[in-house]
Amino acid sequence: MQNILITGSSGFIGSNILNSLHRNYNIYITSRKNVSKKRKKVHVIYFKNHSELNKKLKKIKIDTVIHCGTHYVKNHSFSDIKKLITANIEFGVILLENLKSMKIKKFINFSTVWQNYNGKPDMAYNLYAASKISFTKILNYYAHNFVKIKFYNLFISDTYGKNDKRNKLINTIKKKIKNKKEIKIISKKLTVNLLNAEDVTNAIKIILRRSIKPGNYNVINNKYFKIYDLLKKVSKYKNFKSRLKWGNNFFKKEKVINFNKLPGWSPKNSTFVNLEKFIVGQT
C-alpha cells in the first residue's frame, strides 16, 4: 500500500482529497494542532515549528507528497507578510529538502491561475500569487536536481463543493439564498471558472494510479459560468426569496495561460446543472 503525505488537510481542497483517499492509501498528514483521529490509516505528524517538522519528516517513508498547504489572502496587510512567506515558501522547501530521506517518487503541488494573471506568465495578481510563483521557481530547482522524482504542478482556478467554509462567491450566494437575504453581484457580465472539488480529487487519483509525464497542467473547467444565467435559473425555485441586485461595474473575462490538460482527466462533476443543484442544496 502506498504511503501518501497530504499537507493542508484541514483546508477545503486538502480535506476533500483526504476524505477520498484514506480508505485505499496509508495517509500521513501534517498538523500544528491536536486533531481527532477518526481513521485507522491516517497518521498525524504534529509539529510546533518547522525545525521539529524537519526532524520528523526524516523518520518516515513516503511514496507521494500532495502539497495543498498554503496561506491564502486576497488583499494582504503587513501582518500577512510573514505568514505568506512561512506557509507558501518555507514550509514547502522543508518538504523538498527531505525528498531523498523520505524516498519520494511523486511530488504534487497546487498552484493558482492567479500566478499567470490574465494569461501573462509569472504576472502575479496579488502577494499571495507572488509567493506561489516563488515556490514554483524553487520547485523547478529541485526537479532539475532530482530527475528520478516526478514533479507535478497543477494550476487550479476557483473551486466549490461540500464542506466548504470559505468566504467565496458561490458559498456567499448559497448562504444568502438560504437566509433569504439580498444578493449583490458587481456585474451582469460576471463570468467565473468554477471546478467542483470532486474533480480536483479525481485529478489526484489519476496521477497516483497512472504513469503521467511530469510537468505543469491546468486542472480547470473547460467552461465559464455566467453568474447572471446561474441566478436567473435558481431564482425560479419555489424556495428562492432573495432579492437580486446587479451592479454596473466593468467586467472583462480573464484569460488563462494554456498549459496542457492532465491526460485522462475531465471536469465531469462541474457542469452548470451540478453547480445549480449545489447552490440550492440538492447535492
Protein backbone atom coordinates (compact mmCIF):
# COMPACT_ATOMS: atom_id res chain seq x y z
CA MET A 1 0.00 0.00 0.00
CA GLN A 2 1.30 3.43 -0.97
CA ASN A 3 2.24 5.97 1.69
CA ILE A 4 0.80 9.41 0.91
CA LEU A 5 1.68 12.66 2.69
CA ILE A 6 -1.00 15.36 2.46
CA THR A 7 -0.29 18.89 3.65
CA GLY A 8 -3.09 21.36 4.27
CA SER A 9 -5.53 18.53 5.05
CA SER A 10 -7.66 20.84 7.20
CA GLY A 11 -8.27 23.16 4.25
CA PHE A 12 -11.00 22.81 1.66
CA ILE A 13 -9.07 21.06 -1.12
CA GLY A 14 -6.84 19.07 1.23
CA SER A 15 -9.75 17.78 3.32
CA ASN A 16 -11.62 16.63 0.22
CA ILE A 17 -8.54 14.77 -1.01
CA LEU A 18 -8.03 13.18 2.42
CA ASN A 19 -11.67 12.06 2.63
CA SER A 20 -11.42 10.47 -0.81
CA LEU A 21 -8.08 8.68 -0.40
CA HIS A 22 -7.87 7.47 3.20
CA ARG A 23 -9.58 4.13 2.57
CA ASN A 24 -7.15 3.00 -0.13
CA TYR A 25 -3.85 4.52 0.96
CA ASN A 26 -1.73 4.82 4.08
CA ILE A 27 -2.07 8.55 4.77
CA TYR A 28 0.17 10.95 6.69
CA ILE A 29 -0.97 14.49 7.42
CA THR A 30 0.88 17.44 8.94
CA SER A 31 -0.73 19.48 11.71
CA ARG A 32 0.21 22.15 14.26
CA LYS A 33 -2.90 21.36 16.31
CA ASN A 34 -4.24 18.25 18.00
CA VAL A 35 -6.82 16.73 15.70
CA SER A 36 -9.22 13.92 16.47
CA LYS A 37 -8.02 10.74 14.80
CA LYS A 38 -11.09 9.01 13.37
CA ARG A 39 -9.42 6.99 10.62
CA LYS A 40 -7.18 3.97 11.14
CA LYS A 41 -4.90 4.58 8.16
CA VAL A 42 -4.33 8.27 8.89
CA HIS A 43 -1.15 9.19 10.80
CA VAL A 44 -0.78 12.71 12.15
CA ILE A 45 2.63 14.41 12.15
CA TYR A 46 2.35 17.03 14.88
CA PHE A 47 4.87 19.86 14.86
CA LYS A 48 5.29 23.13 16.77
CA ASN A 49 7.77 24.68 14.36
CA HIS A 50 9.50 23.91 11.08
CA SER A 51 12.63 22.64 12.80
CA GLU A 52 10.57 19.94 14.54
CA LEU A 53 8.77 19.12 11.29
CA ASN A 54 12.10 18.70 9.50
CA LYS A 55 13.26 16.13 12.08
CA LYS A 56 10.02 14.16 11.93
CA LEU A 57 9.94 14.01 8.13
CA LYS A 58 13.32 12.28 8.13
CA LYS A 59 11.82 9.35 10.04
CA ILE A 60 9.09 8.40 7.56
CA LYS A 61 8.98 6.89 4.08
CA ILE A 62 6.57 8.43 1.60
CA ASP A 63 5.73 7.48 -1.98
CA THR A 64 3.83 10.65 -2.93
CA VAL A 65 3.50 14.12 -1.45
CA ILE A 66 0.30 16.05 -2.16
CA HIS A 67 1.14 19.61 -1.19
CA CYS A 68 -2.06 21.56 -0.52
CA GLY A 69 -0.80 23.57 2.44
CA THR A 70 -0.96 27.32 1.88
CA HIS A 71 -1.82 30.65 3.44
CA TYR A 72 -4.35 32.49 1.30
CA VAL A 73 -5.30 36.13 1.50
CA LYS A 74 -6.64 38.15 -1.42
CA ASN A 75 -5.57 41.58 -0.20
CA HIS A 76 -2.70 41.33 2.27
CA SER A 77 -1.84 43.52 5.23
CA PHE A 78 1.50 43.89 6.99
CA SER A 79 0.69 41.03 9.39
CA ASP A 80 0.17 38.66 6.44
CA ILE A 81 3.69 39.05 5.01
CA LYS A 82 5.42 36.62 7.37
CA LYS A 83 2.53 34.14 7.16
CA LEU A 84 2.64 34.12 3.35
CA ILE A 85 6.40 33.50 3.25
CA THR A 86 6.37 30.90 6.04
CA ALA A 87 3.43 28.88 4.70
CA ASN A 88 3.81 29.29 0.95
CA ILE A 89 7.60 29.13 0.62
CA GLU A 90 9.46 27.93 3.72
CA PHE A 91 7.09 25.07 4.54
CA GLY A 92 7.26 23.68 1.02
CA VAL A 93 11.05 23.95 0.88
CA ILE A 94 11.32 21.81 4.03
CA LEU A 95 9.32 19.12 2.25
CA LEU A 96 11.60 19.36 -0.78
CA GLU A 97 14.72 19.17 1.38
CA ASN A 98 13.53 15.77 2.61
CA LEU A 99 12.79 14.25 -0.79
CA LYS A 100 15.76 11.91 -0.56
CA SER A 101 15.30 10.81 3.06
CA MET A 102 11.58 10.13 2.54
CA LYS A 103 12.30 8.30 -0.76
CA ILE A 104 9.67 10.31 -2.62
CA LYS A 105 8.59 9.11 -6.08
CA LYS A 106 5.99 11.77 -6.91
CA PHE A 107 5.52 15.33 -5.69
CA ILE A 108 2.19 17.03 -6.50
CA ASN A 109 1.97 20.77 -5.94
CA PHE A 110 -1.05 23.04 -6.26
CA SER A 111 -0.65 26.40 -7.94
CA THR A 112 -3.18 29.09 -8.84
CA VAL A 113 -4.10 30.64 -12.18
CA TRP A 114 -3.53 33.96 -10.43
CA GLN A 115 0.19 33.29 -10.82
CA ASN A 116 -0.28 33.99 -14.54
CA TYR A 117 -2.89 36.71 -14.23
CA ASN A 118 -4.87 37.34 -17.40
CA GLY A 119 -2.77 34.78 -19.26
CA LYS A 120 0.59 36.51 -18.70
CA PRO A 121 3.35 34.17 -17.42
CA ASP A 122 4.57 34.95 -13.89
CA MET A 123 2.34 38.00 -13.60
CA ALA A 124 1.07 37.79 -10.02
CA TYR A 125 -2.41 39.09 -9.23
CA ASN A 126 -1.50 39.69 -5.58
CA LEU A 127 1.18 38.93 -2.99
CA TYR A 128 -0.32 35.50 -2.37
CA ALA A 129 0.16 34.62 -6.06
CA ALA A 130 3.66 36.12 -6.00
CA SER A 131 4.62 33.82 -3.12
CA LYS A 132 3.26 30.84 -5.07
CA ILE A 133 5.35 31.87 -8.08
CA SER A 134 8.43 31.96 -5.86
CA PHE A 135 7.77 28.45 -4.63
CA THR A 136 7.21 27.22 -8.20
CA LYS A 137 10.68 28.51 -9.14
CA ILE A 138 12.15 26.67 -6.17
CA LEU A 139 10.23 23.54 -7.14
CA ASN A 140 11.81 23.70 -10.61
CA TYR A 141 15.26 23.79 -8.99
CA TYR A 142 14.59 20.54 -7.10
CA ALA A 143 13.02 18.93 -10.17
CA HIS A 144 16.22 19.67 -12.08
CA ASN A 145 18.35 18.07 -9.36
CA PHE A 146 16.11 15.05 -8.62
CA VAL A 147 15.39 13.76 -12.11
CA LYS A 148 14.10 10.37 -10.90
CA ILE A 149 11.26 12.02 -8.97
CA LYS A 150 8.15 13.04 -10.88
CA PHE A 151 7.04 16.60 -10.13
CA TYR A 152 3.52 17.78 -10.99
CA ASN A 153 2.39 21.38 -10.76
CA LEU A 154 -1.41 21.67 -11.00
CA PHE A 155 -2.93 25.07 -11.75
CA ILE A 156 -6.46 25.47 -10.41
CA SER A 157 -8.98 28.31 -10.51
CA ASP A 158 -11.99 28.89 -8.24
CA THR A 159 -13.43 25.80 -6.60
CA TYR A 160 -16.61 24.83 -4.78
CA GLY A 161 -18.12 21.76 -3.17
CA LYS A 162 -19.20 20.04 0.02
CA ASN A 163 -17.87 21.17 3.41
CA ASP A 164 -16.61 24.46 2.00
CA LYS A 165 -16.36 27.04 4.80
CA ARG A 166 -14.52 29.70 2.80
CA ASN A 167 -15.94 33.13 2.12
CA LYS A 168 -16.11 32.61 -1.62
CA LEU A 169 -18.64 33.78 -4.23
CA ILE A 170 -20.64 30.55 -4.57
CA ASN A 171 -20.72 29.98 -0.80
CA THR A 172 -21.88 33.55 -0.25
CA ILE A 173 -24.67 33.16 -2.81
CA LYS A 174 -25.73 29.84 -1.29
CA LYS A 175 -25.89 31.28 2.25
CA LYS A 176 -27.84 34.34 1.15
CA ILE A 177 -30.40 32.17 -0.64
CA LYS A 178 -30.75 30.02 2.46
CA ASN A 179 -31.17 33.07 4.71
CA LYS A 180 -33.37 34.90 2.17
CA LYS A 181 -31.04 37.90 2.01
CA GLU A 182 -30.27 40.27 -0.83
CA ILE A 183 -27.63 39.10 -3.30
CA LYS A 184 -25.40 41.80 -4.78
CA ILE A 185 -23.32 40.99 -7.89
CA ILE A 186 -20.88 43.51 -9.38
CA SER A 187 -22.00 42.97 -12.99
CA LYS A 188 -24.45 41.01 -15.11
CA LYS A 189 -21.46 40.12 -17.29
CA LEU A 190 -19.55 38.41 -14.46
CA THR A 191 -18.22 35.02 -15.58
CA VAL A 192 -16.30 32.60 -13.38
CA ASN A 193 -14.34 29.41 -13.97
CA LEU A 194 -15.54 27.02 -11.28
CA LEU A 195 -14.45 23.47 -10.51
CA ASN A 196 -16.08 21.03 -8.14
CA ALA A 197 -13.62 19.72 -5.51
CA GLU A 198 -14.57 16.19 -6.58
CA ASP A 199 -12.92 16.84 -9.94
CA VAL A 200 -9.76 18.11 -8.24
CA THR A 201 -9.63 14.87 -6.26
CA ASN A 202 -10.14 12.85 -9.44
CA ALA A 203 -7.10 14.57 -10.97
CA ILE A 204 -5.02 13.46 -7.98
CA LYS A 205 -6.25 9.88 -8.34
CA ILE A 206 -5.17 9.81 -11.98
CA ILE A 207 -1.63 10.90 -11.07
CA LEU A 208 -1.46 8.32 -8.28
CA ARG A 209 -2.67 5.44 -10.43
CA ARG A 210 -1.16 6.18 -13.83
CA SER A 211 2.22 6.93 -15.31
CA ILE A 212 1.73 10.59 -16.21
CA LYS A 213 4.53 12.70 -17.65
CA PRO A 214 5.73 15.27 -15.06
CA GLY A 215 5.09 18.96 -15.71
CA ASN A 216 2.61 21.82 -15.45
CA TYR A 217 -1.05 21.02 -16.00
CA ASN A 218 -4.28 23.01 -15.95
CA VAL A 219 -6.94 21.44 -13.76
CA ILE A 220 -9.71 23.89 -14.53
CA ASN A 221 -13.16 23.78 -16.05
CA ASN A 222 -13.32 23.97 -19.84
CA LYS A 223 -16.38 26.21 -19.48
CA TYR A 224 -17.00 29.57 -17.82
CA PHE A 225 -20.21 30.17 -15.90
CA LYS A 226 -22.22 33.37 -16.30
CA ILE A 227 -23.43 34.25 -12.81
CA TYR A 228 -26.41 36.08 -14.31
CA ASP A 229 -27.59 32.91 -16.09
CA LEU A 230 -27.00 30.85 -12.97
CA LEU A 231 -29.00 33.11 -10.67
CA LYS A 232 -31.74 33.52 -13.26
CA LYS A 233 -32.10 29.74 -13.23
CA VAL A 234 -32.11 29.24 -9.45
CA SER A 235 -34.45 32.21 -8.92
CA LYS A 236 -37.23 30.07 -10.39
CA TYR A 237 -37.07 27.64 -7.47
CA LYS A 238 -40.02 27.92 -5.05
CA ASN A 239 -37.82 28.47 -2.00
CA PHE A 240 -35.92 31.34 -3.63
CA LYS A 241 -36.82 34.50 -1.68
CA SER A 242 -33.68 36.60 -2.17
CA ARG A 243 -33.65 39.94 -3.99
CA LEU A 244 -31.08 40.26 -6.76
CA LYS A 245 -29.15 43.50 -7.15
CA TRP A 246 -26.83 43.95 -10.12
CA GLY A 247 -24.04 46.49 -10.34
CA ASN A 248 -22.80 48.25 -13.44
CA ASN A 249 -19.09 47.59 -12.88
CA PHE A 250 -16.99 46.95 -15.96
CA PHE A 251 -16.04 43.29 -16.21
CA LYS A 252 -13.53 41.72 -18.54
CA LYS A 253 -13.21 37.97 -18.81
CA GLU A 254 -9.76 36.89 -17.67
CA LYS A 255 -7.51 34.80 -19.88
CA VAL A 256 -5.94 31.59 -18.57
CA ILE A 257 -2.47 30.55 -19.68
CA ASN A 258 -2.63 27.48 -21.90
CA PHE A 259 -0.93 24.66 -20.03
CA ASN A 260 -1.75 21.11 -21.07
CA LYS A 261 -4.80 19.46 -19.57
CA LEU A 262 -3.99 16.49 -17.36
CA PRO A 263 -4.16 13.34 -19.56
CA GLY A 264 -7.24 11.22 -18.91
CA TRP A 265 -8.97 13.91 -16.83
CA SER A 266 -12.13 15.92 -17.47
CA PRO A 267 -14.39 18.04 -15.20
CA LYS A 268 -17.27 15.56 -15.05
CA ASN A 269 -18.75 16.89 -11.79
CA SER A 270 -18.57 20.60 -12.64
CA THR A 271 -21.46 21.15 -15.03
CA PHE A 272 -23.97 24.01 -14.95
CA VAL A 273 -26.58 21.60 -13.57
CA ASN A 274 -24.23 20.37 -10.85
CA LEU A 275 -23.49 23.95 -9.77
CA GLU A 276 -27.18 24.84 -9.86
CA LYS A 277 -28.09 21.91 -7.60
CA PHE A 278 -25.22 22.71 -5.24
CA ILE A 279 -26.42 26.29 -4.75
CA VAL A 280 -29.99 25.27 -3.96
CA GLY A 281 -28.82 22.48 -1.64
CA GLN A 282 -29.71 19.44 -3.72
CA THR A 283 -26.18 17.93 -3.72
